[in-house]
C-alpha cells in the first residue's frame, strides 16, 4: 500500500531520477515488481 496526501495515488521518485504518479488502483503485482531491487522484472509503461 502506498500512502500519500495526493488524492488517488502518490508521486514517486524512480531510480533514474524521474517522477511518476502511481494510482491507488495499481495492480499489486505491478507494484511489487516496481519495488523489487535487482529482480529483473520488466514492467511495461514505467
PDB file of N, CA and C in Angstrom:
ATOM      1  N   UNK A   1       0.846  -1.175   0.000  1.00  0.00           N
ATOM      2  CA  UNK A   1       0.000   0.000   0.000  1.00  0.00           C
ATOM      3  C   UNK A   1       0.893   1.240   0.000  1.00  0.00           C
ATOM      4  N   UNK A   2       0.526   2.199  -0.822  1.00  0.00           N
ATOM      5  CA  UNK A   2       1.239   3.471  -0.882  1.00  0.00           C
ATOM      6  C   UNK A   2       0.409   4.512  -0.138  1.00  0.00           C
ATOM      7  N   UNK A   3       1.059   5.280   0.711  1.00  0.00           N
ATOM      8  CA  UNK A   3       0.363   6.311   1.471  1.00  0.00           C
ATOM      9  C   UNK A   3       0.857   7.680   1.020  1.00  0.00           C
ATOM     10  N   UNK A   4      -0.080   8.596   0.757  1.00  0.00           N
ATOM     11  CA  UNK A   4       0.272   9.922   0.266  1.00  0.00           C
ATOM     12  C   UNK A   4      -0.871  10.886   0.546  1.00  0.00           C
ATOM     13  N   UNK A   5      -0.556  12.173   0.536  1.00  0.00           N
ATOM     14  CA  UNK A   5      -1.598  13.192   0.657  1.00  0.00           C
ATOM     15  C   UNK A   5      -2.211  13.534  -0.698  1.00  0.00           C
ATOM     16  N   UNK A   6      -1.685  12.969  -1.790  1.00  0.00           N
ATOM     17  CA  UNK A   6      -2.243  13.199  -3.121  1.00  0.00           C
ATOM     18  C   UNK A   6      -3.494  12.341  -3.292  1.00  0.00           C
ATOM     19  N   UNK A   7      -4.599  12.933  -3.726  1.00  0.00           N
ATOM     20  CA  UNK A   7      -5.808  12.139  -3.921  1.00  0.00           C
ATOM     21  C   UNK A   7      -5.632  11.151  -5.073  1.00  0.00           C
ATOM     22  N   UNK A   8      -5.967   9.900  -4.832  1.00  0.00           N
ATOM     23  CA  UNK A   8      -5.959   8.894  -5.885  1.00  0.00           C
ATOM     24  C   UNK A   8      -4.642   8.181  -6.104  1.00  0.00           C
ATOM     25  N   UNK A   9      -3.603   8.514  -5.336  1.00  0.00           N
ATOM     26  CA  UNK A   9      -2.320   7.847  -5.529  1.00  0.00           C
ATOM     27  C   UNK A   9      -1.183   8.604  -4.889  1.00  0.00           C
ATOM     28  N   UNK A  10       0.022   8.426  -5.459  1.00  0.00           N
ATOM     29  CA  UNK A  10       1.207   9.057  -4.879  1.00  0.00           C
ATOM     30  C   UNK A  10       2.205   9.416  -5.965  1.00  0.00           C
ATOM     31  N   UNK A  11       2.924  10.495  -5.758  1.00  0.00           N
ATOM     32  CA  UNK A  11       4.063  10.841  -6.605  1.00  0.00           C
ATOM     33  C   UNK A  11       5.256  10.063  -6.066  1.00  0.00           C
ATOM     34  N   UNK A  12       5.976   9.367  -6.955  1.00  0.00           N
ATOM     35  CA  UNK A  12       7.134   8.584  -6.522  1.00  0.00           C
ATOM     36  C   UNK A  12       8.353   8.966  -7.342  1.00  0.00           C
ATOM     37  N   UNK A  13       9.517   8.808  -6.740  1.00  0.00           N
ATOM     38  CA  UNK A  13      10.783   9.064  -7.408  1.00  0.00           C
ATOM     39  C   UNK A  13      11.352   7.729  -7.860  1.00  0.00           C
ATOM     40  N   UNK A  14      11.661   7.628  -9.161  1.00  0.00           N
ATOM     41  CA  UNK A  14      12.214   6.399  -9.717  1.00  0.00           C
ATOM     42  C   UNK A  14      13.739   6.426  -9.606  1.00  0.00           C
ATOM     43  N   UNK A  15      14.377   5.281  -9.771  1.00  0.00           N
ATOM     44  CA  UNK A  15      15.834   5.165  -9.636  1.00  0.00           C
ATOM     45  C   UNK A  15      16.589   5.992 -10.671  1.00  0.00           C
ATOM     46  N   UNK A  16      15.953   6.281 -11.819  1.00  0.00           N
ATOM     47  CA  UNK A  16      16.622   7.082 -12.852  1.00  0.00           C
ATOM     48  C   UNK A  16      16.450   8.583 -12.629  1.00  0.00           C
ATOM     49  N   UNK A  17      15.804   8.966 -11.520  1.00  0.00           N
ATOM     50  CA  UNK A  17      15.613  10.371 -11.195  1.00  0.00           C
ATOM     51  C   UNK A  17      14.302  10.955 -11.690  1.00  0.00           C
ATOM     52  N   UNK A  18      13.540  10.201 -12.465  1.00  0.00           N
ATOM     53  CA  UNK A  18      12.250  10.691 -12.949  1.00  0.00           C
ATOM     54  C   UNK A  18      11.194  10.511 -11.857  1.00  0.00           C
ATOM     55  N   UNK A  19      10.083  11.213 -12.015  1.00  0.00           N
ATOM     56  CA  UNK A  19       8.968  11.058 -11.085  1.00  0.00           C
ATOM     57  C   UNK A  19       7.766  10.526 -11.841  1.00  0.00           C
ATOM     58  N   UNK A  20       6.942   9.789 -11.141  1.00  0.00           N
ATOM     59  CA  UNK A  20       5.734   9.219 -11.722  1.00  0.00           C
ATOM     60  C   UNK A  20       4.612   9.303 -10.692  1.00  0.00           C
ATOM     61  N   UNK A  21       3.375   9.357 -11.188  1.00  0.00           N
ATOM     62  CA  UNK A  21       2.212   9.255 -10.316  1.00  0.00           C
ATOM     63  C   UNK A  21       1.764   7.800 -10.338  1.00  0.00           C
ATOM     64  N   UNK A  22       1.713   7.183  -9.180  1.00  0.00           N
ATOM     65  CA  UNK A  22       1.254   5.804  -9.064  1.00  0.00           C
ATOM     66  C   UNK A  22      -0.144   5.837  -8.457  1.00  0.00           C
ATOM     67  N   UNK A  23      -1.125   5.356  -9.221  1.00  0.00           N
ATOM     68  CA  UNK A  23      -2.518   5.384  -8.777  1.00  0.00           C
ATOM     69  C   UNK A  23      -2.779   4.339  -7.696  1.00  0.00           C
ATOM     70  N   UNK A  24      -3.743   4.638  -6.836  1.00  0.00           N
ATOM     71  CA  UNK A  24      -4.165   3.690  -5.800  1.00  0.00           C
ATOM     72  C   UNK A  24      -4.670   2.384  -6.403  1.00  0.00           C
ATOM     73  N   UNK A  25      -5.093   2.430  -7.652  1.00  0.00           N
ATOM     74  CA  UNK A  25      -5.682   1.264  -8.309  1.00  0.00           C
ATOM     75  C   UNK A  25      -4.645   0.387  -9.012  1.00  0.00           C
ATOM     76  N   UNK A  26      -3.350   0.651  -8.820  1.00  0.00           N
ATOM     77  CA  UNK A  26      -2.313  -0.128  -9.480  1.00  0.00           C
ATOM     78  C   UNK A  26      -2.433  -1.604  -9.084  1.00  0.00           C
ATOM     79  N   UNK A  27      -2.199  -2.484 -10.035  1.00  0.00           N
ATOM     80  CA  UNK A  27      -2.206  -3.923  -9.780  1.00  0.00           C
ATOM     81  C   UNK A  27      -1.122  -4.233  -8.732  1.00  0.00           C
ATOM     82  N   UNK A  28      -1.458  -4.952  -7.676  1.00  0.00           N
ATOM     83  CA  UNK A  28      -0.469  -5.257  -6.637  1.00  0.00           C
ATOM     84  C   UNK A  28       0.776  -5.965  -7.170  1.00  0.00           C
ATOM     85  N   UNK A  29       0.636  -6.792  -8.202  1.00  0.00           N
ATOM     86  CA  UNK A  29       1.792  -7.478  -8.783  1.00  0.00           C
ATOM     87  C   UNK A  29       2.718  -6.497  -9.489  1.00  0.00           C
ATOM     88  N   UNK A  30       2.150  -5.493 -10.155  1.00  0.00           N
ATOM     89  CA  UNK A  30       2.963  -4.466 -10.811  1.00  0.00           C
ATOM     90  C   UNK A  30       3.682  -3.638  -9.753  1.00  0.00           C
ATOM     91  N   UNK A  31       2.982  -3.264  -8.698  1.00  0.00           N
ATOM     92  CA  UNK A  31       3.605  -2.503  -7.616  1.00  0.00           C
ATOM     93  C   UNK A  31       4.761  -3.292  -7.005  1.00  0.00           C
ATOM     94  N   UNK A  32       4.557  -4.573  -6.766  1.00  0.00           N
ATOM     95  CA  UNK A  32       5.619  -5.412  -6.203  1.00  0.00           C
ATOM     96  C   UNK A  32       6.837  -5.431  -7.126  1.00  0.00           C
ATOM     97  N   UNK A  33       6.613  -5.525  -8.430  1.00  0.00           N
ATOM     98  CA  UNK A  33       7.717  -5.524  -9.392  1.00  0.00           C
ATOM     99  C   UNK A  33       8.462  -4.198  -9.381  1.00  0.00           C
ATOM    100  N   UNK A  34       7.741  -3.095  -9.214  1.00  0.00           N
ATOM    101  CA  UNK A  34       8.385  -1.783  -9.157  1.00  0.00           C
ATOM    102  C   UNK A  34       9.232  -1.621  -7.898  1.00  0.00           C
ATOM    103  N   UNK A  35       8.857  -2.290  -6.824  1.00  0.00           N
ATOM    104  CA  UNK A  35       9.553  -2.138  -5.550  1.00  0.00           C
ATOM    105  C   UNK A  35      10.697  -3.127  -5.356  1.00  0.00           C
ATOM    106  N   UNK A  36      10.799  -4.117  -6.235  1.00  0.00           N
ATOM    107  CA  UNK A  36      11.836  -5.139  -6.103  1.00  0.00           C
ATOM    108  C   UNK A  36      13.159  -4.631  -6.652  1.00  0.00           C
ATOM    109  N   UNK A  37      14.190  -4.687  -5.841  1.00  0.00           N
ATOM    110  CA  UNK A  37      15.519  -4.254  -6.265  1.00  0.00           C
ATOM    111  C   UNK A  37      16.242  -5.411  -6.959  1.00  0.00           C
ATOM    112  N   UNK A  38      16.749  -5.153  -8.145  1.00  0.00           N
ATOM    113  CA  UNK A  38      17.529  -6.136  -8.902  1.00  0.00           C
ATOM    114  C   UNK A  38      16.760  -7.425  -9.153  1.00  0.00           C
ATOM    115  N   UNK A  39      15.447  -7.308  -9.287  1.00  0.00           N
ATOM    116  CA  UNK A  39      14.638  -8.502  -9.515  1.00  0.00           C
ATOM    117  C   UNK A  39      14.579  -8.923 -10.968  1.00  0.00           C
ATOM    118  N   UNK A  40      14.913  -7.999 -11.884  1.00  0.00           N
ATOM    119  CA  UNK A  40      14.914  -8.320 -13.303  1.00  0.00           C
ATOM    120  C   UNK A  40      13.543  -8.291 -13.956  1.00  0.00           C
ATOM    121  N   UNK A  41      12.505  -7.911 -13.210  1.00  0.00           N
ATOM    122  CA  UNK A  41      11.169  -7.855 -13.806  1.00  0.00           C
ATOM    123  C   UNK A  41      11.105  -6.731 -14.834  1.00  0.00           C
ATOM    124  N   UNK A  42      10.378  -6.977 -15.910  1.00  0.00           N
ATOM    125  CA  UNK A  42      10.119  -5.932 -16.895  1.00  0.00           C
ATOM    126  C   UNK A  42       8.718  -5.408 -16.643  1.00  0.00           C
ATOM    127  N   UNK A  43       8.614  -4.127 -16.330  1.00  0.00           N
ATOM    128  CA  UNK A  43       7.326  -3.516 -16.023  1.00  0.00           C
ATOM    129  C   UNK A  43       7.004  -2.549 -17.149  1.00  0.00           C
ATOM    130  N   UNK A  44       6.051  -2.915 -17.983  1.00  0.00           N
ATOM    131  CA  UNK A  44       5.691  -2.095 -19.137  1.00  0.00           C
ATOM    132  C   UNK A  44       5.044  -0.790 -18.678  1.00  0.00           C
ATOM    133  N   UNK A  45       5.404   0.304 -19.334  1.00  0.00           N
ATOM    134  CA  UNK A  45       4.823   1.601 -19.038  1.00  0.00           C
ATOM    135  C   UNK A  45       5.593   2.409 -18.010  1.00  0.00           C
ATOM    136  N   UNK A  46       6.661   1.840 -17.482  1.00  0.00           N
ATOM    137  CA  UNK A  46       7.445   2.561 -16.484  1.00  0.00           C
ATOM    138  C   UNK A  46       8.840   2.656 -16.958  1.00  0.00           C
TER     139      UNK A  46
END
